[in-house]
Amino acid sequence: MDGLASPTALPDLWDRLVGTQPDPDLWVVIATAAAALAVIVPHGLWRLSRNAITIAHEGGHGLVALLTGRTLTGIRLHSDTSGLTVSRGKPHGIGMILTAAAGYTAPPLLGLGGAALLATGRITLLLWVATALLVAMLVMIRNVYGALTVLLTGGTFLLVSWLTGPQVQAAFAYAVVWFLLLGGVRPAFELQAKRARGGAGDSDADQLSRLTHVPAALWLFLFHAVSLCSLIGGGRWLLTG
């Protein structure tokens, strides 16, 4: 009996991963959007929940650095929700530009990708892909706070994936995607406010300006455009299924 269980386990696991799950009721979709807003809008809760956006932000820098042939040497996440991704390679050129541009655009684009998966009913696939990305990122974390943050986040995804039923998994997945879509909008506005006060002189927008000789304001406009368009498109997918 044991010998027969093993060969069937892998196909069952694959079917579970790539198969589709039923969409939640519309009230669940709306409730998860409200829950995401509830941890984004209040300043006190945002200071805590923004850590998840920072994970996506720095993960975006790191992933694009690797995809463009740069050498990723480490990622650090700090308790003030700031982060730092260090890569080696040419200090100029398309690889460096894309790496610098990936930070503020990563959370909303991840949310858009997640919304696309949910629109096709692939809830389990979304949870497992997110877990795999967090595990890969954990390898590159270079400070204790960052490791704990990524470990707790990845552990939450893993527990929900394995120990909860379809309804809980669906609600969790929708809440995560809404959080990325809605939470991905706020950082660009925060950066704009800091720059208006004369701060954030070494922000991603300013680094991109030095790399491309394009005004930082135009890069900030790009961040706004990506986050708002992702929210509109992803939100429509989530609400219409």
C-alpha atoms as a PDB file:
ATOM      1  CA  MET A   1       0.000   0.000   0.000  1.00  0.00           C
ATOM      2  CA  ASP A   2       2.831   2.390   0.843  1.00  0.00           C
ATOM      3  CA  GLY A   3       4.450   1.671  -2.503  1.00  0.00           C
ATOM      4  CA  LEU A   4       1.273   2.684  -4.320  1.00  0.00           C
ATOM      5  CA  ALA A   5       0.828   5.931  -2.371  1.00  0.00           C
ATOM      6  CA  SER A   6       4.101   7.459  -3.469  1.00  0.00           C
ATOM      7  CA  PRO A   7       3.587   7.452  -7.249  1.00  0.00           C
ATOM      8  CA  THR A   8       0.131   9.007  -6.896  1.00  0.00           C
ATOM      9  CA  ALA A   9       1.204  11.702  -4.432  1.00  0.00           C
ATOM     10  CA  LEU A  10       3.143  13.778  -6.952  1.00  0.00           C
ATOM     11  CA  PRO A  11       0.360  13.968  -9.579  1.00  0.00           C
ATOM     12  CA  ASP A  12      -2.133  14.867  -6.839  1.00  0.00           C
ATOM     13  CA  LEU A  13       0.188  17.597  -5.625  1.00  0.00           C
ATOM     14  CA  TRP A  14       0.627  18.929  -9.175  1.00  0.00           C
ATOM     15  CA  ASP A  15      -3.128  18.900  -9.764  1.00  0.00           C
ATOM     16  CA  ARG A  16      -3.637  20.819  -6.552  1.00  0.00           C
ATOM     17  CA  LEU A  17      -1.024  23.377  -7.582  1.00  0.00           C
ATOM     18  CA  VAL A  18      -2.162  24.111 -11.135  1.00  0.00           C
ATOM     19  CA  GLY A  19      -5.841  23.358 -10.691  1.00  0.00           C
ATOM     20  CA  THR A  20      -8.522  25.963 -10.148  1.00  0.00           C
ATOM     21  CA  GLN A  21     -10.488  26.701  -7.015  1.00  0.00           C
ATOM     22  CA  PRO A  22     -13.962  28.270  -6.767  1.00  0.00           C
ATOM     23  CA  ASP A  23     -14.148  32.060  -6.550  1.00  0.00           C
ATOM     24  CA  PRO A  24     -15.303  33.465  -3.213  1.00  0.00           C
ATOM     25  CA  ASP A  25     -18.591  35.334  -2.916  1.00  0.00           C
ATOM     26  CA  LEU A  26     -18.545  39.006  -3.894  1.00  0.00           C
ATOM     27  CA  TRP A  27     -19.032  40.063  -0.284  1.00  0.00           C
ATOM     28  CA  VAL A  28     -15.754  38.287   0.600  1.00  0.00           C
ATOM     29  CA  VAL A  29     -13.924  40.142  -2.173  1.00  0.00           C
ATOM     30  CA  ILE A  30     -15.282  43.481  -0.918  1.00  0.00           C
ATOM     31  CA  ALA A  31     -14.598  42.615   2.728  1.00  0.00           C
ATOM     32  CA  THR A  32     -10.969  41.723   1.978  1.00  0.00           C
ATOM     33  CA  ALA A  33     -10.552  45.041   0.147  1.00  0.00           C
ATOM     34  CA  ALA A  34     -11.934  46.849   3.208  1.00  0.00           C
ATOM     35  CA  ALA A  35      -9.590  44.868   5.469  1.00  0.00           C
ATOM     36  CA  ALA A  36      -6.614  45.854   3.306  1.00  0.00           C
ATOM     37  CA  LEU A  37      -7.618  49.517   3.486  1.00  0.00           C
ATOM     38  CA  ALA A  38      -7.990  49.221   7.249  1.00  0.00           C
ATOM     39  CA  VAL A  39      -4.278  48.409   7.644  1.00  0.00           C
ATOM     40  CA  ILE A  40      -3.115  50.893   4.986  1.00  0.00           C
ATOM     41  CA  VAL A  41      -4.935  54.131   5.745  1.00  0.00           C
ATOM     42  CA  PRO A  42      -4.340  54.570   9.527  1.00  0.00           C
ATOM     43  CA  HIS A  43      -0.811  55.862  10.079  1.00  0.00           C
ATOM     44  CA  GLY A  44      -0.105  53.649  13.092  1.00  0.00           C
ATOM     45  CA  LEU A  45      -1.094  50.420  11.349  1.00  0.00           C
ATOM     46  CA  TRP A  46       0.634  51.483   8.148  1.00  0.00           C
ATOM     47  CA  ARG A  47       3.952  51.753   9.980  1.00  0.00           C
ATOM     48  CA  LEU A  48       3.620  48.037  10.717  1.00  0.00           C
ATOM     49  CA  SER A  49       1.968  46.771   7.540  1.00  0.00           C
ATOM     50  CA  ARG A  50       4.357  48.764   5.336  1.00  0.00           C
ATOM     51  CA  ASN A  51       7.007  46.144   6.152  1.00  0.00           C
ATOM     52  CA  ALA A  52       5.248  43.833   3.697  1.00  0.00           C
ATOM     53  CA  ILE A  53       5.423  46.483   0.973  1.00  0.00           C
ATOM     54  CA  THR A  54       9.131  46.918   1.734  1.00  0.00           C
ATOM     55  CA  ILE A  55       9.646  43.175   1.253  1.00  0.00           C
ATOM     56  CA  ALA A  56       8.053  43.433  -2.200  1.00  0.00           C
ATOM     57  CA  HIS A  57       9.959  46.663  -2.975  1.00  0.00           C
ATOM     58  CA  GLU A  58      13.389  45.252  -2.146  1.00  0.00           C
ATOM     59  CA  GLY A  59      12.493  41.894  -3.642  1.00  0.00           C
ATOM     60  CA  GLY A  60      11.718  43.713  -6.890  1.00  0.00           C
ATOM     61  CA  HIS A  61      15.140  45.361  -6.879  1.00  0.00           C
ATOM     62  CA  GLY A  62      16.792  42.004  -6.218  1.00  0.00           C
ATOM     63  CA  LEU A  63      14.866  39.993  -8.796  1.00  0.00           C
ATOM     64  CA  VAL A  64      15.443  42.500 -11.602  1.00  0.00           C
ATOM     65  CA  ALA A  65      19.113  42.777 -10.679  1.00  0.00           C
ATOM     66  CA  LEU A  66      19.456  39.025 -11.199  1.00  0.00           C
ATOM     67  CA  LEU A  67      17.400  39.028 -14.397  1.00  0.00           C
ATOM     68  CA  THR A  68      19.592  41.757 -15.901  1.00  0.00           C
ATOM     69  CA  GLY A  69      22.820  39.923 -15.122  1.00  0.00           C
ATOM     70  CA  ARG A  70      23.903  41.825 -12.041  1.00  0.00           C
ATOM     71  CA  THR A  71      25.301  40.028  -8.992  1.00  0.00           C
ATOM     72  CA  LEU A  72      22.978  40.306  -6.014  1.00  0.00           C
ATOM     73  CA  THR A  73      25.061  40.509  -2.833  1.00  0.00           C
ATOM     74  CA  GLY A  74      22.413  41.076  -0.192  1.00  0.00           C
ATOM     75  CA  ILE A  75      19.147  42.621   0.982  1.00  0.00           C
ATOM     76  CA  ARG A  76      18.524  44.382   4.289  1.00  0.00           C
ATOM     77  CA  LEU A  77      15.145  45.263   5.792  1.00  0.00           C
ATOM     78  CA  HIS A  78      14.961  47.727   8.681  1.00  0.00           C
ATOM     79  CA  SER A  79      12.439  48.288  11.461  1.00  0.00           C
ATOM     80  CA  ASP A  80      11.630  51.798  10.173  1.00  0.00           C
ATOM     81  CA  THR A  81      10.282  50.059   7.002  1.00  0.00           C
ATOM     82  CA  SER A  82      13.243  51.193   4.915  1.00  0.00           C
ATOM     83  CA  GLY A  83      15.388  48.704   3.041  1.00  0.00           C
ATOM     84  CA  LEU A  84      18.548  48.329   1.006  1.00  0.00           C
ATOM     85  CA  THR A  85      19.382  46.008  -1.875  1.00  0.00           C
ATOM     86  CA  VAL A  86      23.012  45.778  -2.944  1.00  0.00           C
ATOM     87  CA  SER A  87      24.113  44.375  -6.290  1.00  0.00           C
ATOM     88  CA  ARG A  88      27.376  44.425  -8.223  1.00  0.00           C
ATOM     89  CA  GLY A  89      27.785  45.276 -11.861  1.00  0.00           C
ATOM     90  CA  LYS A  90      28.143  48.273 -14.132  1.00  0.00           C
ATOM     91  CA  PRO A  91      27.075  51.454 -12.277  1.00  0.00           C
ATOM     92  CA  HIS A  92      25.218  52.584 -15.397  1.00  0.00           C
ATOM     93  CA  GLY A  93      23.335  51.102 -18.325  1.00  0.00           C
ATOM     94  CA  ILE A  94      19.980  49.417 -18.798  1.00  0.00           C
ATOM     95  CA  GLY A  95      20.541  46.810 -16.090  1.00  0.00           C
ATOM     96  CA  MET A  96      21.136  49.423 -13.425  1.00  0.00           C
ATOM     97  CA  ILE A  97      18.202  51.526 -14.652  1.00  0.00           C
ATOM     98  CA  LEU A  98      15.765  48.626 -14.589  1.00  0.00           C
ATOM     99  CA  THR A  99      17.006  47.539 -11.164  1.00  0.00           C
ATOM    100  CA  ALA A 100      16.494  51.018  -9.727  1.00  0.00           C
ATOM    101  CA  ALA A 101      13.053  51.334 -11.323  1.00  0.00           C
ATOM    102  CA  ALA A 102      11.863  47.977  -9.981  1.00  0.00           C
ATOM    103  CA  GLY A 103      11.414  48.987  -6.345  1.00  0.00           C
ATOM    104  CA  TYR A 104       8.353  51.241  -6.348  1.00  0.00           C
ATOM    105  CA  THR A 105       6.780  49.371  -9.255  1.00  0.00           C
ATOM    106  CA  ALA A 106       7.185  45.862  -7.778  1.00  0.00           C
ATOM    107  CA  PRO A 107       4.346  45.840  -5.179  1.00  0.00           C
ATOM    108  CA  PRO A 108       1.587  47.029  -7.545  1.00  0.00           C
ATOM    109  CA  LEU A 109       2.831  44.814 -10.394  1.00  0.00           C
ATOM    110  CA  LEU A 110       2.937  41.817  -8.060  1.00  0.00           C
ATOM    111  CA  GLY A 111      -0.598  42.703  -7.042  1.00  0.00           C
ATOM    112  CA  LEU A 112      -1.621  42.882 -10.701  1.00  0.00           C
ATOM    113  CA  GLY A 113      -0.071  39.480 -11.371  1.00  0.00           C
ATOM    114  CA  GLY A 114      -1.802  38.074  -8.306  1.00  0.00           C
ATOM    115  CA  ALA A 115      -5.137  39.490  -9.476  1.00  0.00           C
ATOM    116  CA  ALA A 116      -4.638  37.789 -12.849  1.00  0.00           C
ATOM    117  CA  LEU A 117      -4.116  34.434 -11.113  1.00  0.00           C
ATOM    118  CA  LEU A 118      -7.150  34.911  -8.881  1.00  0.00           C
ATOM    119  CA  ALA A 119      -9.281  35.894 -11.867  1.00  0.00           C
ATOM    120  CA  THR A 120      -8.560  32.434 -13.302  1.00  0.00           C
ATOM    121  CA  GLY A 121      -9.250  30.674  -9.990  1.00  0.00           C
ATOM    122  CA  ARG A 122      -5.647  29.707  -9.246  1.00  0.00           C
ATOM    123  CA  ILE A 123      -5.658  30.517  -5.552  1.00  0.00           C
ATOM    124  CA  THR A 124      -3.343  27.696  -4.448  1.00  0.00           C
ATOM    125  CA  LEU A 125      -0.830  28.525  -7.172  1.00  0.00           C
ATOM    126  CA  LEU A 126      -0.698  32.136  -6.013  1.00  0.00           C
ATOM    127  CA  LEU A 127      -0.033  31.123  -2.407  1.00  0.00           C
ATOM    128  CA  TRP A 128       2.704  28.691  -3.377  1.00  0.00           C
ATOM    129  CA  VAL A 129       4.414  31.072  -5.789  1.00  0.00           C
ATOM    130  CA  ALA A 130       4.418  33.758  -3.081  1.00  0.00           C
ATOM    131  CA  THR A 131       5.914  31.281  -0.595  1.00  0.00           C
ATOM    132  CA  ALA A 132       8.630  30.254  -3.069  1.00  0.00           C
ATOM    133  CA  LEU A 133       9.578  33.881  -3.741  1.00  0.00           C
ATOM    134  CA  LEU A 134       9.811  34.599  -0.014  1.00  0.00           C
ATOM    135  CA  VAL A 135      12.013  31.538   0.552  1.00  0.00           C
ATOM    136  CA  ALA A 136      14.303  32.620  -2.287  1.00  0.00           C
ATOM    137  CA  MET A 137      14.486  36.129  -0.844  1.00  0.00           C
ATOM    138  CA  LEU A 138      15.289  34.799   2.636  1.00  0.00           C
ATOM    139  CA  VAL A 139      18.549  33.383   1.312  1.00  0.00           C
ATOM    140  CA  MET A 140      19.702  36.888   0.382  1.00  0.00           C
ATOM    141  CA  ILE A 141      18.694  38.679   3.603  1.00  0.00           C
ATOM    142  CA  ARG A 142      21.704  40.020   5.491  1.00  0.00           C
ATOM    143  CA  ASN A 143      20.291  41.274   8.803  1.00  0.00           C
ATOM    144  CA  VAL A 144      18.335  39.701  11.666  1.00  0.00           C
ATOM    145  CA  TYR A 145      15.273  41.954  11.481  1.00  0.00           C
ATOM    146  CA  GLY A 146      14.937  41.330   7.764  1.00  0.00           C
ATOM    147  CA  ALA A 147      15.295  37.566   8.198  1.00  0.00           C
ATOM    148  CA  LEU A 148      12.621  37.500  10.910  1.00  0.00           C
ATOM    149  CA  THR A 149      10.240  39.611   8.829  1.00  0.00           C
ATOM    150  CA  VAL A 150      10.564  37.442   5.732  1.00  0.00           C
ATOM    151  CA  LEU A 151      10.452  34.230   7.779  1.00  0.00           C
ATOM    152  CA  LEU A 152       7.231  35.250   9.530  1.00  0.00           C
ATOM    153  CA  THR A 153       5.645  36.350   6.267  1.00  0.00           C
ATOM    154  CA  GLY A 154       6.645  33.174   4.432  1.00  0.00           C
ATOM    155  CA  GLY A 155       5.562  31.044   7.394  1.00  0.00           C
ATOM    156  CA  THR A 156       2.120  32.644   7.302  1.00  0.00           C
ATOM    157  CA  PHE A 157       1.716  31.818   3.609  1.00  0.00           C
ATOM    158  CA  LEU A 158       2.884  28.246   4.229  1.00  0.00           C
ATOM    159  CA  LEU A 159       0.509  27.671   7.141  1.00  0.00           C
ATOM    160  CA  VAL A 160      -2.463  29.052   5.239  1.00  0.00           C
ATOM    161  CA  SER A 161      -1.587  26.927   2.203  1.00  0.00           C
ATOM    162  CA  TRP A 162      -1.343  23.665   4.132  1.00  0.00           C
ATOM    163  CA  LEU A 163      -3.594  23.943   7.178  1.00  0.00           C
ATOM    164  CA  THR A 164      -6.668  25.881   6.113  1.00  0.00           C
ATOM    165  CA  GLY A 165      -9.642  25.143   3.917  1.00  0.00           C
ATOM    166  CA  PRO A 166     -10.462  26.607   0.497  1.00  0.00           C
ATOM    167  CA  GLN A 167     -12.602  29.445   1.863  1.00  0.00           C
ATOM    168  CA  VAL A 168      -9.899  30.683   4.238  1.00  0.00           C
ATOM    169  CA  GLN A 169      -7.247  30.365   1.539  1.00  0.00           C
ATOM    170  CA  ALA A 170      -9.386  32.366  -0.878  1.00  0.00           C
ATOM    171  CA  ALA A 171     -10.039  35.141   1.650  1.00  0.00           C
ATOM    172  CA  PHE A 172      -6.343  35.295   2.560  1.00  0.00           C
ATOM    173  CA  ALA A 173      -5.224  35.381  -1.087  1.00  0.00           C
ATOM    174  CA  TYR A 174      -7.663  38.151  -1.970  1.00  0.00           C
ATOM    175  CA  ALA A 175      -6.630  40.173   1.088  1.00  0.00           C
ATOM    176  CA  VAL A 176      -2.945  39.867   0.124  1.00  0.00           C
ATOM    177  CA  VAL A 177      -3.558  40.949  -3.467  1.00  0.00           C
ATOM    178  CA  TRP A 178      -5.751  43.879  -2.414  1.00  0.00           C
ATOM    179  CA  PHE A 179      -3.030  44.901   0.029  1.00  0.00           C
ATOM    180  CA  LEU A 180      -0.377  44.914  -2.695  1.00  0.00           C
ATOM    181  CA  LEU A 181      -2.603  46.856  -5.090  1.00  0.00           C
ATOM    182  CA  LEU A 182      -3.802  49.426  -2.554  1.00  0.00           C
ATOM    183  CA  GLY A 183      -0.610  49.548  -0.492  1.00  0.00           C
ATOM    184  CA  GLY A 184       1.461  49.920  -3.636  1.00  0.00           C
ATOM    185  CA  VAL A 185      -0.123  53.322  -4.263  1.00  0.00           C
ATOM    186  CA  ARG A 186       0.816  55.018  -0.987  1.00  0.00           C
ATOM    187  CA  PRO A 187       4.668  54.876  -1.122  1.00  0.00           C
ATOM    188  CA  ALA A 188       4.865  57.005  -4.285  1.00  0.00           C
ATOM    189  CA  PHE A 189       2.753  59.702  -2.611  1.00  0.00           C
ATOM    190  CA  GLU A 190       4.951  59.499   0.494  1.00  0.00           C
ATOM    191  CA  LEU A 191       8.047  59.909  -1.660  1.00  0.00           C
ATOM    192  CA  GLN A 192       6.476  62.875  -3.423  1.00  0.00           C
ATOM    193  CA  ALA A 193       5.725  64.527  -0.067  1.00  0.00           C
ATOM    194  CA  LYS A 194       9.286  63.945   1.179  1.00  0.00           C
ATOM    195  CA  ARG A 195      10.783  65.412  -1.964  1.00  0.00           C
ATOM    196  CA  ALA A 196       8.482  68.441  -1.678  1.00  0.00           C
ATOM    197  CA  ARG A 197       9.962  69.053   1.796  1.00  0.00           C
ATOM    198  CA  GLY A 198      13.490  68.760   0.403  1.00  0.00           C
ATOM    199  CA  GLY A 199      14.094  65.239   1.712  1.00  0.00           C
ATOM    200  CA  ALA A 200      14.748  61.828   0.117  1.00  0.00           C
ATOM    201  CA  GLY A 201      17.603  63.208  -1.992  1.00  0.00           C
ATOM    202  CA  ASP A 202      18.918  59.714  -2.699  1.00  0.00           C
ATOM    203  CA  SER A 203      15.566  58.109  -3.488  1.00  0.00           C
ATOM    204  CA  ASP A 204      15.046  55.690  -6.355  1.00  0.00           C
ATOM    205  CA  ALA A 205      13.612  58.550  -8.451  1.00  0.00           C
ATOM    206  CA  ASP A 206      16.712  60.671  -7.855  1.00  0.00           C
ATOM    207  CA  GLN A 207      19.049  57.776  -8.618  1.00  0.00           C
ATOM    208  CA  LEU A 208      17.144  57.149 -11.852  1.00  0.00           C
ATOM    209  CA  SER A 209      17.409  60.838 -12.705  1.00  0.00           C
ATOM    210  CA  ARG A 210      21.195  60.693 -12.352  1.00  0.00           C
ATOM    211  CA  LEU A 211      21.351  57.501 -14.422  1.00  0.00           C
ATOM    212  CA  THR A 212      19.136  58.707 -17.265  1.00  0.00           C
ATOM    213  CA  HIS A 213      19.300  62.524 -17.092  1.00  0.00           C
ATOM    214  CA  VAL A 214      15.497  62.464 -16.964  1.00  0.00           C
ATOM    215  CA  PRO A 215      13.963  64.652 -14.209  1.00  0.00           C
ATOM    216  CA  ALA A 216      13.133  62.772 -11.019  1.00  0.00           C
ATOM    217  CA  ALA A 217       9.590  64.154 -11.225  1.00  0.00           C
ATOM    218  CA  LEU A 218       9.012  62.153 -14.399  1.00  0.00           C
ATOM    219  CA  TRP A 219      10.188  58.961 -12.720  1.00  0.00           C
ATOM    220  CA  LEU A 220       7.880  59.741  -9.825  1.00  0.00           C
ATOM    221  CA  PHE A 221       5.063  60.151 -12.356  1.00  0.00           C
ATOM    222  CA  LEU A 222       5.933  56.686 -13.694  1.00  0.00           C
ATOM    223  CA  PHE A 223       5.661  55.217 -10.184  1.00  0.00           C
ATOM    224  CA  HIS A 224       2.237  56.841  -9.791  1.00  0.00           C
ATOM    225  CA  ALA A 225       1.088  55.646 -13.213  1.00  0.00           C
ATOM    226  CA  VAL A 226       2.146  52.029 -12.623  1.00  0.00           C
ATOM    227  CA  SER A 227       0.576  51.834  -9.167  1.00  0.00           C
ATOM    228  CA  LEU A 228      -2.719  53.498 -10.131  1.00  0.00           C
ATOM    229  CA  CYS A 229      -3.105  51.564 -13.402  1.00  0.00           C
ATOM    230  CA  SER A 230      -2.323  48.309 -11.584  1.00  0.00           C
ATOM    231  CA  LEU A 231      -4.945  49.135  -8.959  1.00  0.00           C
ATOM    232  CA  ILE A 232      -7.588  49.916 -11.592  1.00  0.00           C
ATOM    233  CA  GLY A 233      -6.842  46.836 -13.697  1.00  0.00           C
ATOM    234  CA  GLY A 234      -6.260  44.451 -10.808  1.00  0.00           C
ATOM    235  CA  GLY A 235      -9.273  45.723  -8.897  1.00  0.00           C
ATOM    236  CA  ARG A 236     -11.492  45.141 -11.922  1.00  0.00           C
ATOM    237  CA  TRP A 237     -10.229  41.552 -12.242  1.00  0.00           C
ATOM    238  CA  LEU A 238     -10.859  40.873  -8.556  1.00  0.00           C
ATOM    239  CA  LEU A 239     -14.365  42.320  -8.573  1.00  0.00           C
ATOM    240  CA  THR A 240     -15.507  40.715 -11.811  1.00  0.00           C
ATOM    241  CA  GLY A 241     -13.678  37.387 -11.510  1.00  0.00           C
END
